[in-house]
Amino acid sequence: MKQYLELVRNVLENGVKKDDRTGIGTIAISGAMFQHDMSEGFPLLTTKKVPFRLVASELEFFIKGLTDKLWLINNNNHIWDEWANPEKAPYGHDEESKKRMMEERDLGPVYGFQWRHFGAEYKSWDTDYNGRGIDQLAQVVEKLKSNPTDRRMIVMAWNPTQLNQMALPPCHYGFQVTVSGGRLNLLWNQRSVDVALGLPFNIASYALLLHLLAKEADLGEGLLTGFLADTHIYSNHVEGLKEQLSRDADKYPLPTVKTENFTSVFDWSYKDSVVEGYESYPSIKFEIAV
């Protein structure tokens, strides 16, 4: 997608050097927007390979409201391996802290827990939270069907009372759904944007969620919009992104996404959705900043 590459170029050319929590250092801009019309195809980057299976399985993890890292690991998804509930494995850069974080399976009340159980007291990954807290996602689904013109279809992951229990405070902290002209639109807000590693996943994840919600409400797929705050590139990602900028964004068309056996977003499995016609340049190795 050319818009993603334009964002990369903007940060590289206009970003300001900043220190950060990880100690790696970034260049960043403050305030950007990403927008894509879903009628043009599914926004999976073609200038590098993005693993759709990982995007989809993480989204299922969120939709189910899970907080057990082992569920992801058992589904061969390792993007949360280095993180853990800081009350059980305190955050640190030393080898002992990293080892504890890797071994602890509890992520704390991260994204999905807030989507499905906002306000519930968090105890552990294996606690039964059925019926506890506010199921924000279920409320959105109900409003989509009963009053699609509602302007209050919002889901928040940012819960200040539980930030100290979260493996990582939510980067994409809230999203809103609107309906216009028979099409469902999704708009998400993000406080911290890792342009190289995180943003391609965020774009694809919210595009997939838009796709699922549109199927749930029998609506067309509309605009996907991201409002991005601290939009940054880690210093050790610069060369890889320059390589990506050198690639032809028009070489491969965007794929489409297809979901089989759909009954409800709450019964959906990541294996039900596949991207068709996906071709891309090879992947680029970017080290994760923890």
C-alpha atoms as a PDB file:
ATOM      1  CA  MET A   1       0.000   0.000   0.000  1.00  0.00           C
ATOM      2  CA  LYS A   2       1.403   3.317  -1.059  1.00  0.00           C
ATOM      3  CA  GLN A   3      -0.133   5.087   1.937  1.00  0.00           C
ATOM      4  CA  TYR A   4       1.878   2.955   4.349  1.00  0.00           C
ATOM      5  CA  LEU A   5       5.102   3.688   2.439  1.00  0.00           C
ATOM      6  CA  GLU A   6       4.295   7.409   2.451  1.00  0.00           C
ATOM      7  CA  LEU A   7       3.954   7.219   6.220  1.00  0.00           C
ATOM      8  CA  VAL A   8       7.327   5.459   6.488  1.00  0.00           C
ATOM      9  CA  ARG A   9       8.925   8.117   4.302  1.00  0.00           C
ATOM     10  CA  ASN A  10       7.344  10.901   6.370  1.00  0.00           C
ATOM     11  CA  VAL A  11       8.820   9.554   9.608  1.00  0.00           C
ATOM     12  CA  LEU A  12      12.254   8.994   8.080  1.00  0.00           C
ATOM     13  CA  GLU A  13      12.375  12.482   6.575  1.00  0.00           C
ATOM     14  CA  ASN A  14      10.621  14.513   9.286  1.00  0.00           C
ATOM     15  CA  GLY A  15      10.970  12.459  12.465  1.00  0.00           C
ATOM     16  CA  VAL A  16      12.678  13.764  15.582  1.00  0.00           C
ATOM     17  CA  LYS A  17      15.125  11.609  17.555  1.00  0.00           C
ATOM     18  CA  LYS A  18      13.680  10.475  20.883  1.00  0.00           C
ATOM     19  CA  ASP A  19      14.720   8.251  23.747  1.00  0.00           C
ATOM     20  CA  ASP A  20      12.250   5.525  24.664  1.00  0.00           C
ATOM     21  CA  ARG A  21      11.392   2.908  27.266  1.00  0.00           C
ATOM     22  CA  THR A  22      13.277   0.128  25.464  1.00  0.00           C
ATOM     23  CA  GLY A  23      16.566   2.038  25.345  1.00  0.00           C
ATOM     24  CA  ILE A  24      16.937   1.478  21.592  1.00  0.00           C
ATOM     25  CA  GLY A  25      15.987   4.991  20.500  1.00  0.00           C
ATOM     26  CA  THR A  26      13.538   6.142  17.840  1.00  0.00           C
ATOM     27  CA  ILE A  27      12.763   8.817  15.321  1.00  0.00           C
ATOM     28  CA  ALA A  28       9.150   9.891  15.602  1.00  0.00           C
ATOM     29  CA  ILE A  29       6.439  12.206  14.407  1.00  0.00           C
ATOM     30  CA  SER A  30       3.443  13.196  16.500  1.00  0.00           C
ATOM     31  CA  GLY A  31       0.146  12.665  14.771  1.00  0.00           C
ATOM     32  CA  ALA A  32      -0.630  10.797  11.562  1.00  0.00           C
ATOM     33  CA  MET A  33      -3.587   9.093   9.906  1.00  0.00           C
ATOM     34  CA  PHE A  34      -3.938   5.923   7.893  1.00  0.00           C
ATOM     35  CA  GLN A  35      -7.051   5.260   5.796  1.00  0.00           C
ATOM     36  CA  HIS A  36      -8.007   2.469   3.422  1.00  0.00           C
ATOM     37  CA  ASP A  37     -11.192   1.695   1.503  1.00  0.00           C
ATOM     38  CA  MET A  38     -11.886  -2.012   1.918  1.00  0.00           C
ATOM     39  CA  SER A  39     -13.461  -2.142  -1.536  1.00  0.00           C
ATOM     40  CA  GLU A  40      -9.916  -1.840  -2.918  1.00  0.00           C
ATOM     41  CA  GLY A  41      -8.813  -5.107  -1.323  1.00  0.00           C
ATOM     42  CA  PHE A  42      -7.580  -6.449   1.987  1.00  0.00           C
ATOM     43  CA  PRO A  43      -4.744  -4.224   3.331  1.00  0.00           C
ATOM     44  CA  LEU A  44      -2.018  -6.810   3.807  1.00  0.00           C
ATOM     45  CA  LEU A  45       1.315  -5.250   2.824  1.00  0.00           C
ATOM     46  CA  THR A  46       2.806  -6.418  -0.449  1.00  0.00           C
ATOM     47  CA  THR A  47       6.203  -4.704  -0.109  1.00  0.00           C
ATOM     48  CA  LYS A  48       7.063  -7.315   2.515  1.00  0.00           C
ATOM     49  CA  LYS A  49       5.391 -10.548   3.546  1.00  0.00           C
ATOM     50  CA  VAL A  50       3.020 -10.214   6.512  1.00  0.00           C
ATOM     51  CA  PRO A  51       1.949 -13.505   8.156  1.00  0.00           C
ATOM     52  CA  PHE A  52      -1.851 -13.388   8.064  1.00  0.00           C
ATOM     53  CA  ARG A  53      -2.145 -16.477  10.276  1.00  0.00           C
ATOM     54  CA  LEU A  54      -0.466 -14.636  13.154  1.00  0.00           C
ATOM     55  CA  VAL A  55      -2.653 -11.575  12.677  1.00  0.00           C
ATOM     56  CA  ALA A  56      -5.812 -13.686  12.641  1.00  0.00           C
ATOM     57  CA  SER A  57      -4.942 -15.920  15.601  1.00  0.00           C
ATOM     58  CA  GLU A  58      -4.061 -12.907  17.766  1.00  0.00           C
ATOM     59  CA  LEU A  59      -7.418 -11.350  16.840  1.00  0.00           C
ATOM     60  CA  GLU A  60      -9.233 -14.533  17.879  1.00  0.00           C
ATOM     61  CA  PHE A  61      -7.302 -14.382  21.164  1.00  0.00           C
ATOM     62  CA  PHE A  62      -8.612 -10.829  21.705  1.00  0.00           C
ATOM     63  CA  ILE A  63     -12.197 -11.613  20.674  1.00  0.00           C
ATOM     64  CA  LYS A  64     -12.312 -14.539  23.095  1.00  0.00           C
ATOM     65  CA  GLY A  65     -11.101 -12.264  25.915  1.00  0.00           C
ATOM     66  CA  LEU A  66      -8.178 -14.570  26.702  1.00  0.00           C
ATOM     67  CA  THR A  67      -5.112 -13.629  28.747  1.00  0.00           C
ATOM     68  CA  ASP A  68      -3.209 -16.940  28.687  1.00  0.00           C
ATOM     69  CA  LYS A  69      -0.082 -16.632  26.558  1.00  0.00           C
ATOM     70  CA  LEU A  70       0.026 -20.414  26.259  1.00  0.00           C
ATOM     71  CA  TRP A  71      -3.090 -20.349  24.021  1.00  0.00           C
ATOM     72  CA  LEU A  72      -1.109 -18.341  21.484  1.00  0.00           C
ATOM     73  CA  ILE A  73       1.971 -20.526  21.824  1.00  0.00           C
ATOM     74  CA  ASN A  74      -0.123 -23.661  21.303  1.00  0.00           C
ATOM     75  CA  ASN A  75      -1.404 -22.074  18.088  1.00  0.00           C
ATOM     76  CA  ASN A  76       2.189 -21.430  16.981  1.00  0.00           C
ATOM     77  CA  ASN A  77       1.913 -17.685  17.570  1.00  0.00           C
ATOM     78  CA  HIS A  78       4.891 -16.270  19.449  1.00  0.00           C
ATOM     79  CA  ILE A  79       4.370 -12.508  19.202  1.00  0.00           C
ATOM     80  CA  TRP A  80       3.571 -12.216  22.940  1.00  0.00           C
ATOM     81  CA  ASP A  81       6.278 -14.610  24.186  1.00  0.00           C
ATOM     82  CA  GLU A  82       8.489 -11.919  25.745  1.00  0.00           C
ATOM     83  CA  TRP A  83       5.670 -10.284  27.708  1.00  0.00           C
ATOM     84  CA  ALA A  84       4.002 -11.098  31.031  1.00  0.00           C
ATOM     85  CA  ASN A  85       1.787  -9.732  33.789  1.00  0.00           C
ATOM     86  CA  PRO A  86       4.227  -7.390  35.615  1.00  0.00           C
ATOM     87  CA  GLU A  87       2.741  -8.302  38.994  1.00  0.00           C
ATOM     88  CA  LYS A  88       3.877 -11.878  38.418  1.00  0.00           C
ATOM     89  CA  ALA A  89       7.023 -11.271  36.357  1.00  0.00           C
ATOM     90  CA  PRO A  90       8.234  -7.675  36.772  1.00  0.00           C
ATOM     91  CA  TYR A  91       9.429  -5.941  33.618  1.00  0.00           C
ATOM     92  CA  GLY A  92      13.178  -5.604  33.167  1.00  0.00           C
ATOM     93  CA  HIS A  93      15.979  -5.721  30.594  1.00  0.00           C
ATOM     94  CA  ASP A  94      18.294  -7.986  32.610  1.00  0.00           C
ATOM     95  CA  GLU A  95      18.508 -11.661  31.650  1.00  0.00           C
ATOM     96  CA  GLU A  96      16.830 -12.913  34.836  1.00  0.00           C
ATOM     97  CA  SER A  97      13.806 -10.633  34.286  1.00  0.00           C
ATOM     98  CA  LYS A  98      13.585 -11.642  30.633  1.00  0.00           C
ATOM     99  CA  LYS A  99      13.615 -15.316  31.625  1.00  0.00           C
ATOM    100  CA  ARG A 100      10.813 -14.819  34.163  1.00  0.00           C
ATOM    101  CA  MET A 101       8.754 -12.906  31.605  1.00  0.00           C
ATOM    102  CA  MET A 102       9.191 -15.656  29.017  1.00  0.00           C
ATOM    103  CA  GLU A 103       8.159 -18.377  31.471  1.00  0.00           C
ATOM    104  CA  GLU A 104       5.082 -16.607  32.901  1.00  0.00           C
ATOM    105  CA  ARG A 105       1.933 -17.460  30.916  1.00  0.00           C
ATOM    106  CA  ASP A 106      -0.336 -14.770  32.416  1.00  0.00           C
ATOM    107  CA  LEU A 107      -0.455 -11.562  30.342  1.00  0.00           C
ATOM    108  CA  GLY A 108      -2.811  -9.766  32.702  1.00  0.00           C
ATOM    109  CA  PRO A 109      -5.972  -7.880  31.644  1.00  0.00           C
ATOM    110  CA  VAL A 110      -4.783  -6.971  28.139  1.00  0.00           C
ATOM    111  CA  TYR A 111      -6.842  -6.058  25.067  1.00  0.00           C
ATOM    112  CA  GLY A 112      -9.387  -8.867  24.872  1.00  0.00           C
ATOM    113  CA  PHE A 113     -10.106  -8.868  28.580  1.00  0.00           C
ATOM    114  CA  GLN A 114     -11.051  -5.188  28.353  1.00  0.00           C
ATOM    115  CA  TRP A 115     -13.113  -5.768  25.198  1.00  0.00           C
ATOM    116  CA  ARG A 116     -15.158  -8.520  26.868  1.00  0.00           C
ATOM    117  CA  HIS A 117     -14.945  -7.902  30.653  1.00  0.00           C
ATOM    118  CA  PHE A 118     -14.246  -4.199  31.193  1.00  0.00           C
ATOM    119  CA  GLY A 119     -14.465  -3.316  34.888  1.00  0.00           C
ATOM    120  CA  ALA A 120     -14.204  -6.871  36.186  1.00  0.00           C
ATOM    121  CA  GLU A 121     -11.603  -7.552  38.860  1.00  0.00           C
ATOM    122  CA  TYR A 122      -8.660  -9.364  37.300  1.00  0.00           C
ATOM    123  CA  LYS A 123      -7.243 -12.358  39.151  1.00  0.00           C
ATOM    124  CA  SER A 124      -5.530 -14.781  36.779  1.00  0.00           C
ATOM    125  CA  TRP A 125      -5.607 -16.247  33.290  1.00  0.00           C
ATOM    126  CA  ASP A 126      -7.608 -19.286  34.438  1.00  0.00           C
ATOM    127  CA  THR A 127     -10.367 -17.454  36.339  1.00  0.00           C
ATOM    128  CA  ASP A 128     -13.887 -17.813  34.932  1.00  0.00           C
ATOM    129  CA  TYR A 129     -14.963 -14.280  33.944  1.00  0.00           C
ATOM    130  CA  ASN A 130     -18.210 -15.331  32.278  1.00  0.00           C
ATOM    131  CA  GLY A 131     -20.835 -12.648  32.945  1.00  0.00           C
ATOM    132  CA  ARG A 132     -18.375 -10.378  34.746  1.00  0.00           C
ATOM    133  CA  GLY A 133     -17.683  -6.798  33.719  1.00  0.00           C
ATOM    134  CA  ILE A 134     -19.025  -5.038  30.637  1.00  0.00           C
ATOM    135  CA  ASP A 135     -18.912  -6.920  27.344  1.00  0.00           C
ATOM    136  CA  GLN A 136     -18.182  -3.951  25.106  1.00  0.00           C
ATOM    137  CA  LEU A 137     -17.844  -6.043  21.957  1.00  0.00           C
ATOM    138  CA  ALA A 138     -21.221  -7.725  22.490  1.00  0.00           C
ATOM    139  CA  GLN A 139     -22.784  -4.303  23.012  1.00  0.00           C
ATOM    140  CA  VAL A 140     -21.388  -3.099  19.682  1.00  0.00           C
ATOM    141  CA  VAL A 141     -22.716  -6.181  17.888  1.00  0.00           C
ATOM    142  CA  GLU A 142     -26.159  -5.673  19.419  1.00  0.00           C
ATOM    143  CA  LYS A 143     -26.252  -1.995  18.417  1.00  0.00           C
ATOM    144  CA  LEU A 144     -25.115  -2.804  14.881  1.00  0.00           C
ATOM    145  CA  LYS A 145     -28.198  -4.970  14.501  1.00  0.00           C
ATOM    146  CA  SER A 146     -30.734  -2.873  16.417  1.00  0.00           C
ATOM    147  CA  ASN A 147     -29.594   0.693  15.723  1.00  0.00           C
ATOM    148  CA  PRO A 148     -26.811   0.880  13.103  1.00  0.00           C
ATOM    149  CA  THR A 149     -26.934   4.705  13.002  1.00  0.00           C
ATOM    150  CA  ASP A 150     -25.786   4.822  16.645  1.00  0.00           C
ATOM    151  CA  ARG A 151     -22.677   6.965  17.128  1.00  0.00           C
ATOM    152  CA  ARG A 152     -21.706   5.333  20.405  1.00  0.00           C
ATOM    153  CA  MET A 153     -20.408   1.990  19.165  1.00  0.00           C
ATOM    154  CA  ILE A 154     -17.053   2.253  20.923  1.00  0.00           C
ATOM    155  CA  VAL A 155     -14.753  -0.337  22.512  1.00  0.00           C
ATOM    156  CA  MET A 156     -11.988   0.768  24.868  1.00  0.00           C
ATOM    157  CA  ALA A 157      -8.937  -1.232  25.919  1.00  0.00           C
ATOM    158  CA  TRP A 158      -7.439   1.577  28.023  1.00  0.00           C
ATOM    159  CA  ASN A 159      -8.387   0.947  31.658  1.00  0.00           C
ATOM    160  CA  PRO A 160      -6.251   3.120  33.990  1.00  0.00           C
ATOM    161  CA  THR A 161      -7.218   1.050  37.026  1.00  0.00           C
ATOM    162  CA  GLN A 162      -5.555  -2.065  35.611  1.00  0.00           C
ATOM    163  CA  LEU A 163      -2.549  -0.753  33.677  1.00  0.00           C
ATOM    164  CA  ASN A 164      -0.202  -2.020  36.403  1.00  0.00           C
ATOM    165  CA  GLN A 165      -1.395  -5.587  35.747  1.00  0.00           C
ATOM    166  CA  MET A 166      -1.056  -5.527  31.957  1.00  0.00           C
ATOM    167  CA  ALA A 167       1.888  -7.112  30.179  1.00  0.00           C
ATOM    168  CA  LEU A 168       1.888  -3.991  28.012  1.00  0.00           C
ATOM    169  CA  PRO A 169      -0.478  -1.006  28.263  1.00  0.00           C
ATOM    170  CA  PRO A 170      -2.574  -1.068  25.082  1.00  0.00           C
ATOM    171  CA  CYS A 171      -0.924   0.638  22.120  1.00  0.00           C
ATOM    172  CA  HIS A 172      -4.135   0.607  20.065  1.00  0.00           C
ATOM    173  CA  TYR A 173      -6.375   1.628  22.907  1.00  0.00           C
ATOM    174  CA  GLY A 174      -9.832   1.996  21.392  1.00  0.00           C
ATOM    175  CA  PHE A 175     -11.938   1.617  18.283  1.00  0.00           C
ATOM    176  CA  GLN A 176     -15.276   2.865  17.018  1.00  0.00           C
ATOM    177  CA  VAL A 177     -17.664   1.447  14.443  1.00  0.00           C
ATOM    178  CA  THR A 178     -19.942   3.547  12.251  1.00  0.00           C
ATOM    179  CA  VAL A 179     -22.353   2.654   9.461  1.00  0.00           C
ATOM    180  CA  SER A 180     -22.997   4.812   6.398  1.00  0.00           C
ATOM    181  CA  GLY A 181     -24.500   3.978   3.030  1.00  0.00           C
ATOM    182  CA  GLY A 182     -24.909   0.337   4.012  1.00  0.00           C
ATOM    183  CA  ARG A 183     -21.195  -0.036   4.738  1.00  0.00           C
ATOM    184  CA  LEU A 184     -19.487  -0.625   8.060  1.00  0.00           C
ATOM    185  CA  ASN A 185     -16.505   1.594   8.900  1.00  0.00           C
ATOM    186  CA  LEU A 186     -13.974   1.047  11.662  1.00  0.00           C
ATOM    187  CA  LEU A 187     -11.783   3.741  13.205  1.00  0.00           C
ATOM    188  CA  TRP A 188      -9.064   2.919  15.702  1.00  0.00           C
ATOM    189  CA  ASN A 189      -6.884   5.073  17.971  1.00  0.00           C
ATOM    190  CA  GLN A 190      -3.267   4.259  18.750  1.00  0.00           C
ATOM    191  CA  ARG A 191      -1.043   5.986  21.310  1.00  0.00           C
ATOM    192  CA  SER A 192       2.224   4.326  20.264  1.00  0.00           C
ATOM    193  CA  VAL A 193       2.961   3.124  16.738  1.00  0.00           C
ATOM    194  CA  ASP A 194       5.896   0.870  15.858  1.00  0.00           C
ATOM    195  CA  VAL A 195       5.874   1.596  12.125  1.00  0.00           C
ATOM    196  CA  ALA A 196       8.033  -1.331  10.996  1.00  0.00           C
ATOM    197  CA  LEU A 197       6.710  -4.233  13.071  1.00  0.00           C
ATOM    198  CA  GLY A 198       3.471  -3.231  14.753  1.00  0.00           C
ATOM    199  CA  LEU A 199       1.605  -1.064  12.273  1.00  0.00           C
ATOM    200  CA  PRO A 200       1.332  -3.641   9.443  1.00  0.00           C
ATOM    201  CA  PHE A 201      -0.203  -6.048  12.000  1.00  0.00           C
ATOM    202  CA  ASN A 202      -2.532  -3.379  13.402  1.00  0.00           C
ATOM    203  CA  ILE A 203      -3.792  -2.468   9.938  1.00  0.00           C
ATOM    204  CA  ALA A 204      -4.464  -6.084   9.004  1.00  0.00           C
ATOM    205  CA  SER A 205      -5.989  -6.940  12.390  1.00  0.00           C
ATOM    206  CA  TYR A 206      -8.518  -4.112  12.391  1.00  0.00           C
ATOM    207  CA  ALA A 207      -9.271  -4.755   8.717  1.00  0.00           C
ATOM    208  CA  LEU A 208     -10.094  -8.357   9.625  1.00  0.00           C
ATOM    209  CA  LEU A 209     -12.240  -7.219  12.555  1.00  0.00           C
ATOM    210  CA  LEU A 210     -14.068  -4.827  10.215  1.00  0.00           C
ATOM    211  CA  HIS A 211     -14.638  -7.732   7.810  1.00  0.00           C
ATOM    212  CA  LEU A 212     -16.058  -9.942  10.596  1.00  0.00           C
ATOM    213  CA  LEU A 213     -18.331  -7.259  12.041  1.00  0.00           C
ATOM    214  CA  ALA A 214     -19.643  -6.459   8.571  1.00  0.00           C
ATOM    215  CA  LYS A 215     -20.520 -10.137   8.101  1.00  0.00           C
ATOM    216  CA  GLU A 216     -22.141 -10.221  11.541  1.00  0.00           C
ATOM    217  CA  ALA A 217     -24.410  -7.272  10.658  1.00  0.00           C
ATOM    218  CA  ASP A 218     -24.880  -8.167   6.962  1.00  0.00           C
ATOM    219  CA  LEU A 219     -23.271  -4.922   5.830  1.00  0.00           C
ATOM    220  CA  GLY A 220     -20.771  -3.963   3.167  1.00  0.00           C
ATOM    221  CA  GLU A 221     -17.163  -3.220   4.087  1.00  0.00           C
ATOM    222  CA  GLY A 222     -16.309   0.476   4.208  1.00  0.00           C
ATOM    223  CA  LEU A 223     -13.414   2.620   5.411  1.00  0.00           C
ATOM    224  CA  LEU A 224     -10.672   1.551   7.790  1.00  0.00           C
ATOM    225  CA  THR A 225      -9.108   4.540   9.549  1.00  0.00           C
ATOM    226  CA  GLY A 226      -6.285   4.708  12.070  1.00  0.00           C
ATOM    227  CA  PHE A 227      -5.509   7.798  14.159  1.00  0.00           C
ATOM    228  CA  LEU A 228      -1.864   7.469  15.116  1.00  0.00           C
ATOM    229  CA  ALA A 229      -0.170   9.472  17.909  1.00  0.00           C
ATOM    230  CA  ASP A 230       3.531   8.804  18.620  1.00  0.00           C
ATOM    231  CA  THR A 231       4.419   7.280  15.259  1.00  0.00           C
ATOM    232  CA  HIS A 232       7.983   6.026  15.438  1.00  0.00           C
ATOM    233  CA  ILE A 233      10.707   3.998  13.805  1.00  0.00           C
ATOM    234  CA  TYR A 234      13.271   2.259  16.007  1.00  0.00           C
ATOM    235  CA  SER A 235      16.846   3.070  15.090  1.00  0.00           C
ATOM    236  CA  ASN A 236      17.583  -0.580  14.302  1.00  0.00           C
ATOM    237  CA  HIS A 237      14.658  -0.714  11.836  1.00  0.00           C
ATOM    238  CA  VAL A 238      15.791   2.140   9.585  1.00  0.00           C
ATOM    239  CA  GLU A 239      17.772   0.113   7.059  1.00  0.00           C
ATOM    240  CA  GLY A 240      15.050  -2.492   6.681  1.00  0.00           C
ATOM    241  CA  LEU A 241      12.457   0.188   5.990  1.00  0.00           C
ATOM    242  CA  LYS A 242      14.730   1.814   3.426  1.00  0.00           C
ATOM    243  CA  GLU A 243      14.846  -1.556   1.680  1.00  0.00           C
ATOM    244  CA  GLN A 244      11.056  -1.672   1.777  1.00  0.00           C
ATOM    245  CA  LEU A 245      10.808   1.828   0.287  1.00  0.00           C
ATOM    246  CA  SER A 246      12.906   0.684  -2.647  1.00  0.00           C
ATOM    247  CA  ARG A 247      10.314  -1.937  -3.570  1.00  0.00           C
ATOM    248  CA  ASP A 248       7.563  -1.307  -6.116  1.00  0.00           C
ATOM    249  CA  ALA A 249       4.223  -0.897  -4.329  1.00  0.00           C
ATOM    250  CA  ASP A 250       2.366  -1.538  -7.602  1.00  0.00           C
ATOM    251  CA  LYS A 251       4.012  -4.869  -8.401  1.00  0.00           C
ATOM    252  CA  TYR A 252       1.420  -6.986  -6.562  1.00  0.00           C
ATOM    253  CA  PRO A 253      -2.338  -6.284  -6.205  1.00  0.00           C
ATOM    254  CA  LEU A 254      -3.948  -6.399  -2.786  1.00  0.00           C
ATOM    255  CA  PRO A 255      -5.461  -9.761  -1.857  1.00  0.00           C
ATOM    256  CA  THR A 256      -9.008 -10.447  -0.713  1.00  0.00           C
ATOM    257  CA  VAL A 257     -10.148 -12.094   2.517  1.00  0.00           C
ATOM    258  CA  LYS A 258     -12.705 -14.892   2.607  1.00  0.00           C
ATOM    259  CA  THR A 259     -14.393 -16.353   5.681  1.00  0.00           C
ATOM    260  CA  GLU A 260     -16.121 -19.731   5.532  1.00  0.00           C
ATOM    261  CA  ASN A 261     -18.716 -21.234   7.894  1.00  0.00           C
ATOM    262  CA  PHE A 262     -19.404 -17.882   9.573  1.00  0.00           C
ATOM    263  CA  THR A 263     -22.145 -17.892  12.203  1.00  0.00           C
ATOM    264  CA  SER A 264     -20.996 -15.223  14.670  1.00  0.00           C
ATOM    265  CA  VAL A 265     -17.912 -13.180  15.438  1.00  0.00           C
ATOM    266  CA  PHE A 266     -17.925 -14.872  18.858  1.00  0.00           C
ATOM    267  CA  ASP A 267     -17.793 -18.377  17.341  1.00  0.00           C
ATOM    268  CA  TRP A 268     -15.240 -17.468  14.686  1.00  0.00           C
ATOM    269  CA  SER A 269     -11.905 -19.279  14.491  1.00  0.00           C
ATOM    270  CA  TYR A 270      -8.880 -17.763  12.802  1.00  0.00           C
ATOM    271  CA  LYS A 271      -8.743 -20.863  10.593  1.00  0.00           C
ATOM    272  CA  ASP A 272     -12.110 -19.857   9.083  1.00  0.00           C
ATOM    273  CA  SER A 273     -10.576 -16.844   7.314  1.00  0.00           C
ATOM    274  CA  VAL A 274      -8.048 -16.976   4.499  1.00  0.00           C
ATOM    275  CA  VAL A 275      -6.507 -14.390   2.209  1.00  0.00           C
ATOM    276  CA  GLU A 276      -6.773 -15.194  -1.458  1.00  0.00           C
ATOM    277  CA  GLY A 277      -4.407 -13.971  -4.164  1.00  0.00           C
ATOM    278  CA  TYR A 278      -1.741 -12.775  -1.741  1.00  0.00           C
ATOM    279  CA  GLU A 279       1.622 -12.143  -3.368  1.00  0.00           C
ATOM    280  CA  SER A 280       4.393 -10.035  -1.889  1.00  0.00           C
ATOM    281  CA  TYR A 281       8.080  -9.282  -1.748  1.00  0.00           C
ATOM    282  CA  PRO A 282      10.023 -11.396   0.800  1.00  0.00           C
ATOM    283  CA  SER A 283       9.797 -10.679   4.514  1.00  0.00           C
ATOM    284  CA  ILE A 284      12.230  -8.255   6.170  1.00  0.00           C
ATOM    285  CA  LYS A 285      13.728  -9.156   9.548  1.00  0.00           C
ATOM    286  CA  PHE A 286      13.036  -6.539  12.236  1.00  0.00           C
ATOM    287  CA  GLU A 287      14.102  -7.139  15.832  1.00  0.00           C
ATOM    288  CA  ILE A 288      11.304  -6.643  18.362  1.00  0.00           C
ATOM    289  CA  ALA A 289      11.845  -3.915  20.968  1.00  0.00           C
ATOM    290  CA  VAL A 290      10.875  -5.139  24.448  1.00  0.00           C
END
